[in-house]
């Protein structure tokens, strides 16, 4: 199954007057580049969270943000307190400036409403935080799978285009070699008016034309395309597909350098264009 490295997931749960929320996003990266942000009192869970992310996502540049806030329930309200000293400072400063200080306005000023955090985090809270993180990562992974399916369709289309262009080169084979041979003989006739050794010319011609033969390159390229299709069915095949694409590029380049035929070289350029589009997509494949 092909997966994208780009995805987003968010999960939210409420328990014991608190709201536990996890949000994760990922983009492509050669390795797992993970940033975890969570409240200080839950810092001991960071190692567990990193292990979970590595197991589910594999690699990518991932940012995981976990937050714990109070809810609007009675249990959540009991966790709140007011910073009376700060309220008094605000009130005096507003009076000095000749401004009114309504209770509602004071409550919205920074540092007035405090959330009373327990000295020790309960096991139930730890379990809830890990649970909401699991759900968030599962949602992100499903997003990766959906985008991976779209990428797979595009990659299959590109390799099909290369295979079709490769088949089109067969039409040039019947005219390519005879045209090259005729051109060489014409140049020799112009350069050497006294004539040349026919046997030696034939030997050199065979040697030269063998160098222009592209049969091996075409067979290898066709084989790489088949292997590429097979690898698209595997899990976490991003790096493998990249290596196969490199081999495809070598055969296409050799095919172009040996072509010695304008129309065939145009076809090779189109193959290169399709291969570049494949390489661009592979950067985002897990």
Foldseek 3Di string as FASTA:
>chain_A
DWFFQWFKFKFWDDDQQKIKIKIKTWFFDPFAAEAEAEDPLLVVCPVVLVVLCCVLRVHTDMYMYIYMAGDPDPSSVVQKDFDVVVLVVVCVVCVVVVHDDDPVVSVPDPPGIDGRDDPHDDPVVNVVNVVRSNRRSVNGRVRRVVVRVVLLVLLLVLLVLLLVLLVVCVVCVVPQLVVVLVVVVVVCCVVDVPDDDPVVSVVVSVVVVVLLDLPVLSVVLVVLSVVLNVLSPDPQCLVVNVVSLVVNVVSLVSNLVSRNDVVSNVSSVVNVVSSVVNVVSSSGID
